Each structure stands twice: as structure tokens, then as C-alpha cells.
N, C-alpha and C. Protein backbone atom coordinates (compact mmCIF):
# COMPACT_ATOMS: atom_id res chain seq x y z
N MET A 1 12.85 5.01 31.76
CA MET A 1 12.01 6.00 31.77
C MET A 1 10.70 5.84 30.75
N THR A 2 9.50 5.93 30.97
CA THR A 2 8.49 5.89 30.46
C THR A 2 7.66 7.53 29.24
N GLU A 3 7.55 7.42 28.21
CA GLU A 3 6.95 8.21 27.56
C GLU A 3 5.57 8.36 27.95
N ARG A 4 4.90 9.86 27.94
CA ARG A 4 3.93 10.29 28.57
C ARG A 4 3.13 10.53 26.94
N PRO A 5 1.75 9.67 27.12
CA PRO A 5 1.17 9.84 25.67
C PRO A 5 0.09 11.25 25.21
N VAL A 6 0.70 11.04 24.49
CA VAL A 6 0.93 12.77 23.94
C VAL A 6 -1.08 13.09 24.00
N GLU A 7 -1.86 14.06 24.56
CA GLU A 7 -2.52 14.88 24.80
C GLU A 7 -3.54 15.02 23.10
N PRO A 8 -4.12 14.62 22.94
CA PRO A 8 -5.13 14.91 21.56
C PRO A 8 -5.16 16.52 21.22
N ASP A 9 -4.91 17.44 21.87
CA ASP A 9 -5.09 18.87 21.91
C ASP A 9 -3.54 19.25 21.44
N ALA A 10 -2.77 18.53 22.58
CA ALA A 10 -1.24 19.00 22.09
C ALA A 10 -0.69 19.20 21.27
N THR A 11 -0.05 19.81 21.06
CA THR A 11 0.52 21.17 20.03
C THR A 11 2.40 19.94 20.37
N ILE A 12 2.57 19.59 19.11
CA ILE A 12 3.93 18.81 18.87
C ILE A 12 4.99 19.95 17.93
N THR A 13 5.99 19.97 18.60
CA THR A 13 6.99 21.21 17.14
C THR A 13 8.16 20.28 17.38
N ILE A 14 8.02 20.39 15.22
CA ILE A 14 9.15 19.82 14.75
C ILE A 14 9.78 20.90 13.55
N SER A 15 10.93 20.17 13.79
CA SER A 15 11.80 21.33 12.75
C SER A 15 10.95 21.18 10.91
N LYS A 16 11.58 22.32 10.70
CA LYS A 16 10.60 22.86 8.85
C LYS A 16 11.27 21.59 8.22
N GLU A 17 12.17 21.29 8.50
CA GLU A 17 12.57 19.82 7.29
C GLU A 17 11.69 19.29 7.38
N GLU A 18 11.51 18.49 8.77
CA GLU A 18 10.06 16.76 8.95
C GLU A 18 9.45 18.19 9.01
N TYR A 19 8.79 18.59 9.07
CA TYR A 19 7.50 19.19 8.28
C TYR A 19 6.79 18.38 7.47
N GLU A 20 7.95 19.94 6.27
CA GLU A 20 8.09 19.54 4.61
C GLU A 20 8.26 17.77 4.12
N ARG A 21 8.66 16.56 5.28
CA ARG A 21 9.34 15.49 4.51
C ARG A 21 8.03 14.84 5.23
N LEU A 22 7.32 15.30 6.16
CA LEU A 22 5.77 14.97 5.94
C LEU A 22 4.94 15.69 5.35
N LEU A 23 5.24 16.41 4.89
CA LEU A 23 3.80 16.65 3.56
C LEU A 23 4.03 16.00 2.39
N ALA A 24 5.85 15.33 2.27
CA ALA A 24 6.14 15.22 0.50
C ALA A 24 5.62 13.35 0.92
N ILE A 25 5.46 13.29 2.06
CA ILE A 25 5.02 11.99 2.34
C ILE A 25 3.17 12.03 1.72
N VAL A 26 2.56 12.42 2.71
CA VAL A 26 1.30 12.58 2.88
C VAL A 26 0.57 13.19 1.57
N ALA A 27 1.42 13.75 0.32
CA ALA A 27 0.88 14.20 -0.76
C ALA A 27 1.70 13.56 -1.93
N GLY A 28 1.88 12.41 -1.36
CA GLY A 28 3.14 11.00 -2.06
C GLY A 28 4.01 11.27 -3.00
N ASP A 29 4.34 12.44 -2.45
CA ASP A 29 5.69 12.41 -3.33
C ASP A 29 7.08 12.29 -1.94
N GLY A 30 6.72 11.33 -1.21
CA GLY A 30 7.65 10.95 0.00
C GLY A 30 8.74 10.00 -0.55
N PRO A 31 9.24 9.45 -0.09
CA PRO A 31 11.16 8.47 -0.12
C PRO A 31 9.72 7.14 -0.93
N SER A 32 10.26 6.50 -1.69
CA SER A 32 9.85 5.25 -1.97
C SER A 32 10.43 4.02 -0.91
N ASP A 33 10.06 2.90 -1.25
CA ASP A 33 10.55 1.98 -0.21
C ASP A 33 10.99 1.57 -1.03
N SER A 34 12.06 0.10 -0.07
CA SER A 34 12.71 -0.94 -1.24
C SER A 34 11.58 -2.09 -0.72
N ILE A 35 11.83 -2.97 -1.21
CA ILE A 35 10.85 -4.72 -0.59
C ILE A 35 11.19 -4.69 1.00
N GLU A 36 12.44 -5.06 1.41
CA GLU A 36 12.76 -5.07 2.56
C GLU A 36 11.80 -3.51 3.55
N THR A 37 11.71 -2.35 3.24
CA THR A 37 11.19 -1.66 4.30
C THR A 37 9.58 -1.15 3.66
N PHE A 38 9.61 -2.27 2.79
CA PHE A 38 8.12 -1.95 2.88
C PHE A 38 7.64 -3.37 3.54
N CYS A 39 8.11 -4.47 3.33
CA CYS A 39 7.60 -5.65 3.84
C CYS A 39 7.53 -5.58 5.02
N ALA A 40 8.55 -5.00 6.03
CA ALA A 40 8.66 -4.72 7.47
C ALA A 40 7.47 -3.37 8.24
N SER A 41 6.92 -1.78 7.24
CA SER A 41 6.09 -1.22 7.52
C SER A 41 4.71 -2.09 7.33
N GLU A 42 4.63 -3.10 6.30
CA GLU A 42 3.36 -3.74 6.17
C GLU A 42 3.36 -4.77 7.48
N LYS A 43 3.90 -5.18 7.50
CA LYS A 43 4.22 -6.50 8.51
C LYS A 43 4.33 -7.39 7.88
N MET A 44 4.77 -8.06 7.14
CA MET A 44 4.45 -8.93 6.21
C MET A 44 6.19 -9.43 6.13
N SER A 45 6.30 -10.77 6.03
CA SER A 45 7.54 -11.40 5.31
C SER A 45 7.74 -11.35 4.05
N LYS A 46 9.34 -11.21 3.40
CA LYS A 46 9.92 -11.24 2.02
C LYS A 46 8.73 -12.24 1.15
N ALA A 47 9.04 -13.75 1.90
CA ALA A 47 8.57 -14.36 1.41
C ALA A 47 7.45 -14.06 0.85
N PHE A 48 5.92 -13.90 1.47
CA PHE A 48 4.60 -13.56 1.39
C PHE A 48 4.67 -12.50 0.14
N TYR A 49 5.39 -11.26 0.14
CA TYR A 49 5.39 -10.45 -0.36
C TYR A 49 5.44 -10.65 -2.10
N PHE A 50 6.71 -12.11 -1.80
CA PHE A 50 6.85 -12.40 -3.53
C PHE A 50 5.80 -13.84 -3.80
N LYS A 51 5.49 -14.56 -2.86
CA LYS A 51 3.87 -14.82 -2.97
C LYS A 51 3.07 -13.92 -3.77
N MET A 52 2.81 -12.35 -2.76
CA MET A 52 1.81 -11.75 -4.16
C MET A 52 1.75 -11.46 -5.11
N LYS A 53 3.45 -11.15 -5.39
CA LYS A 53 3.76 -10.99 -6.53
C LYS A 53 3.38 -11.37 -8.09
N ALA A 54 3.95 -12.91 -7.58
CA ALA A 54 4.00 -14.20 -8.07
C ALA A 54 2.66 -14.38 -9.11
N GLU A 55 1.63 -14.13 -7.95
CA GLU A 55 0.22 -14.53 -8.21
C GLU A 55 -0.64 -13.15 -8.63
N GLY A 56 0.48 -12.33 -8.78
CA GLY A 56 -0.47 -10.79 -9.35
C GLY A 56 -1.10 -10.17 -8.75
N TRP A 57 -1.72 -10.23 -8.03
CA TRP A 57 -1.19 -8.93 -6.56
C TRP A 57 -0.61 -8.06 -5.96
N GLY A 58 0.21 -8.32 -5.97
CA GLY A 58 1.33 -7.23 -5.12
C GLY A 58 1.12 -5.38 -5.52
N PRO A 59 2.17 -4.81 -5.32
CA PRO A 59 2.02 -3.42 -5.31
C PRO A 59 3.13 -3.14 -6.58
N HIS A 60 2.51 -2.57 -7.66
CA HIS A 60 3.57 -1.75 -8.45
C HIS A 60 5.55 -1.53 -7.84
N GLU A 61 5.89 -2.37 -8.99
CA GLU A 61 6.74 -1.85 -8.86
C GLU A 61 8.06 -0.98 -9.47
N ILE A 62 9.02 -0.03 -9.38
CA ILE A 62 9.81 0.37 -10.65
C ILE A 62 11.33 -0.58 -10.23
N ARG A 63 11.24 -0.61 -11.08
CA ARG A 63 13.03 -1.13 -11.29
C ARG A 63 13.96 0.12 -12.19
N CYS A 64 15.01 -0.46 -11.74
CA CYS A 64 16.33 0.50 -12.13
C CYS A 64 17.67 -0.55 -11.71
N GLY A 65 17.33 -1.11 -12.99
CA GLY A 65 18.29 -2.30 -13.14
C GLY A 65 18.06 -3.63 -11.85
N GLU A 66 19.19 -3.46 -10.43
CA GLU A 66 18.53 -4.42 -10.13
C GLU A 66 18.12 -3.69 -8.76
N LEU A 67 17.85 -2.58 -8.27
CA LEU A 67 17.25 -2.05 -7.76
C LEU A 67 16.11 -2.32 -7.76
N VAL A 68 14.90 -2.22 -6.74
CA VAL A 68 13.24 -2.00 -6.85
C VAL A 68 13.48 -1.06 -5.79
N ARG A 69 11.91 -0.32 -6.46
CA ARG A 69 11.43 0.26 -5.82
C ARG A 69 9.78 1.09 -5.34
N ILE A 70 9.23 0.91 -4.79
CA ILE A 70 7.86 0.35 -4.13
C ILE A 70 7.12 2.23 -3.90
N THR A 71 7.02 3.47 -4.77
CA THR A 71 6.40 4.10 -4.76
C THR A 71 5.39 4.63 -3.58
N PRO A 72 5.13 6.01 -2.71
CA PRO A 72 3.59 6.12 -2.06
C PRO A 72 3.05 6.02 -2.81
N LEU A 73 2.84 6.25 -4.26
CA LEU A 73 1.74 6.19 -4.94
C LEU A 73 1.28 5.17 -4.93
N ALA A 74 2.05 3.89 -5.51
CA ALA A 74 1.77 2.63 -5.71
C ALA A 74 1.74 1.86 -4.28
N ARG A 75 1.87 2.23 -3.66
CA ARG A 75 1.77 1.47 -1.53
C ARG A 75 -0.32 1.89 -1.81
N ARG A 76 -0.71 3.12 -2.11
CA ARG A 76 -1.47 3.19 -1.71
C ARG A 76 -2.39 2.44 -2.64
N ALA A 77 -2.43 2.59 -3.99
CA ALA A 77 -3.55 2.01 -4.59
C ALA A 77 -3.12 0.44 -4.18
N TRP A 78 -2.02 -0.11 -3.71
CA TRP A 78 -2.67 -1.35 -3.51
C TRP A 78 -2.96 -1.68 -2.39
N ARG A 79 -2.75 0.02 -1.39
CA ARG A 79 -3.59 -0.85 -0.37
C ARG A 79 -5.15 -1.22 -0.50
N GLU A 80 -5.83 0.60 -1.60
CA GLU A 80 -6.88 0.61 -1.60
C GLU A 80 -7.77 -0.90 -2.54
N GLN A 81 -6.75 -1.43 -3.53
CA GLN A 81 -6.87 -2.90 -3.48
C GLN A 81 -7.56 -3.57 -2.95
N ARG A 82 -6.19 -3.83 -1.74
CA ARG A 82 -7.07 -4.58 -0.87
C ARG A 82 -7.82 -4.81 0.36
N ALA A 83 -8.38 -3.18 0.30
CA ALA A 83 -9.78 -2.57 0.48
C ALA A 83 -10.27 -3.27 0.44
N ALA A 84 -10.54 -3.11 -0.97
CA ALA A 84 -12.21 -3.54 -1.75
C ALA A 84 -12.17 -4.51 -1.88
N ALA A 85 -10.65 -5.55 -2.00
CA ALA A 85 -11.06 -7.51 -1.86
C ALA A 85 -11.36 -7.58 -0.68
N ALA A 86 -10.65 -7.41 0.48
CA ALA A 86 -11.13 -7.24 1.39
C ALA A 86 -12.70 -7.48 2.03
N ALA A 87 -12.80 -6.09 1.51
CA ALA A 87 -14.18 -5.71 1.68
C ALA A 87 -15.31 -6.61 0.82
N ALA A 88 -15.44 -7.32 -0.31
CA ALA A 88 -15.29 -8.62 -1.00
C ALA A 88 -15.91 -9.64 -0.42
N GLY A 89 -14.62 -9.69 0.45
CA GLY A 89 -14.86 -11.09 1.13
C GLY A 89 -13.42 -12.14 0.75
N PHE A 90 -12.78 -11.82 -0.48
CA PHE A 90 -11.26 -12.09 -0.86
C PHE A 90 -10.44 -11.70 0.68
N ARG A 91 -9.73 -13.20 0.54
CA ARG A 91 -8.47 -12.77 1.41
C ARG A 91 -7.35 -12.71 0.83
N ARG A 92 -7.19 -13.38 -0.46
CA ARG A 92 -6.24 -13.33 -1.32
C ARG A 92 -6.66 -12.79 -2.60
N GLY A 93 -5.76 -11.95 -3.56
CA GLY A 93 -5.28 -12.16 -4.43
C GLY A 93 -6.31 -10.43 -4.85
N SER A 94 -6.90 -9.97 -5.82
CA SER A 94 -7.20 -9.00 -6.21
C SER A 94 -9.07 -9.71 -6.57
N ALA A 95 -10.01 -8.33 -6.69
CA ALA A 95 -11.39 -8.65 -7.13
C ALA A 95 -11.58 -9.56 -7.73
N PRO A 96 -10.92 -8.51 -9.34
CA PRO A 96 -11.16 -9.02 -10.48
C PRO A 96 -10.66 -10.48 -10.94
N GLN A 97 -9.42 -11.38 -10.49
CA GLN A 97 -9.38 -12.53 -10.21
C GLN A 97 -9.88 -13.41 -9.92
N ALA A 98 -10.42 -12.63 -8.35
CA ALA A 98 -11.62 -14.04 -7.78
C ALA A 98 -12.57 -14.21 -8.88
N ALA A 99 -13.18 -12.59 -9.08
CA ALA A 99 -13.87 -12.99 -9.82
C ALA A 99 -13.97 -13.64 -11.35
N LYS A 100 -13.07 -14.18 -11.91
CA LYS A 100 -13.00 -15.38 -12.47
C LYS A 100 -12.84 -16.05 -11.84
N ARG A 101 -12.93 -16.99 -11.04
CA ARG A 101 -13.47 -18.36 -10.35
C ARG A 101 -14.59 -17.86 -9.64
N ASN A 102 -15.24 -16.84 -9.38
CA ASN A 102 -16.42 -16.75 -8.53
C ASN A 102 -17.34 -15.25 -9.49
N PRO A 103 -18.26 -15.50 -11.16
CA PRO A 103 -18.29 -14.52 -11.45
C PRO A 103 -19.52 -13.17 -10.34
N GLN A 104 -20.26 -14.12 -10.10
CA GLN A 104 -21.10 -13.21 -8.88
C GLN A 104 -20.32 -12.15 -8.06
N ALA A 105 -19.21 -12.65 -7.87
CA ALA A 105 -18.72 -11.64 -7.00
C ALA A 105 -17.21 -10.77 -7.63
N ALA A 106 -18.14 -10.22 -8.50
CA ALA A 106 -17.70 -9.28 -9.39
C ALA A 106 -17.54 -7.91 -8.73
N ILE A 107 -16.28 -6.98 -8.72
CA ILE A 107 -16.70 -6.16 -8.17
C ILE A 107 -16.62 -4.53 -9.16
N VAL A 108 -17.85 -3.68 -9.37
CA VAL A 108 -17.56 -2.67 -10.32
C VAL A 108 -16.62 -1.74 -9.79
N GLY A 109 -15.55 -1.03 -10.89
CA GLY A 109 -15.10 -0.49 -10.58
C GLY A 109 -13.04 -0.37 -10.16
N THR A 110 -13.12 -1.84 -9.96
CA THR A 110 -11.92 -1.75 -9.56
C THR A 110 -11.03 -2.11 -10.66
N SER A 111 -9.43 -1.86 -10.65
CA SER A 111 -8.09 -1.73 -11.57
C SER A 111 -7.14 -2.68 -11.05
N VAL A 112 -6.95 -3.62 -11.39
CA VAL A 112 -5.73 -4.32 -11.48
C VAL A 112 -4.52 -3.62 -12.04
N GLY A 113 -3.53 -3.26 -11.16
CA GLY A 113 -2.22 -2.41 -12.31
C GLY A 113 -2.46 -1.10 -12.01
N SER A 114 -3.86 -1.05 -11.59
CA SER A 114 -3.61 0.82 -11.65
C SER A 114 -3.40 1.01 -10.81
N ALA A 115 -2.70 2.66 -11.08
CA ALA A 115 -3.16 3.33 -9.73
C ALA A 115 -4.44 4.37 -9.23
N ASN A 116 -5.16 4.17 -9.82
CA ASN A 116 -6.54 4.48 -9.96
C ASN A 116 -7.40 3.68 -9.60
N LEU A 117 -8.14 3.28 -8.52
CA LEU A 117 -9.07 2.83 -7.77
C LEU A 117 -10.56 3.39 -7.49
N LYS A 118 -12.01 3.24 -8.10
CA LYS A 118 -12.76 4.07 -7.93
C LYS A 118 -13.78 2.54 -7.12
N MET A 119 -13.95 3.61 -5.87
CA MET A 119 -14.86 2.74 -4.41
C MET A 119 -15.74 3.02 -4.04
N GLU A 120 -16.90 2.69 -4.27
CA GLU A 120 -18.12 3.47 -4.11
C GLU A 120 -18.67 2.77 -3.01
């Protein structure tokens, strides 16, 4: 059985609970990810995730005992930092880290480890 693609102007009916869940995710109040679910959704290996963390450019983690979670806000900040670094031509690390290696490549307004990223 093949699924038909949804037309751009088509109306999709979902439950109120699903609608509220999706709104919470968009607002940044949605469920947090484990390392496993974060890696799966970002299509990266756990080994690469731990390498990013060791190099200092992974997402912010919340730890409670042995439980490690990545909030939607931390994911969003991490993606913005990665986009800023990629726009500046850096494949690995963050722009401020790369700027230490190449001072002419500094990006104004980025902040490592902060949920706020100013993009101009």
C-alpha cells in the first residue's frame, strides 16, 4: 500500500492532544531528548556525539543523576551555533574556537554554551 502525498492546501485532522503536543514542541517546551534520540533525529552516531562533546561544541546537556537530557531549547541553540559556524566556513567546532586558530575568521555575536545566538 503506497501513501499519497499530501497536497499543499490539504487539511489534515489531528487530535487535540497531538495538536497541543506539537505546539509545545514548537514553543520549546516539548519533551527533551536522550542522547540516543538526539543522535537518531540528527542522523549522527553516538561516537560522533561524544567526540563533539569532548571538543566542546556539542549541545548543552541537563544531568539528573545518570539521566542525560537535551532540551528543545538546547537543540535549537546548538543548531543555530552550527549554522553560524558553517556559514563562516567551519566544518568542526564552533566559530569562537576556530577564531582562536584563525583570528581573522571571528564571527561577531556568537556565544559558545549560551542559549542566545545573535545572527546578523
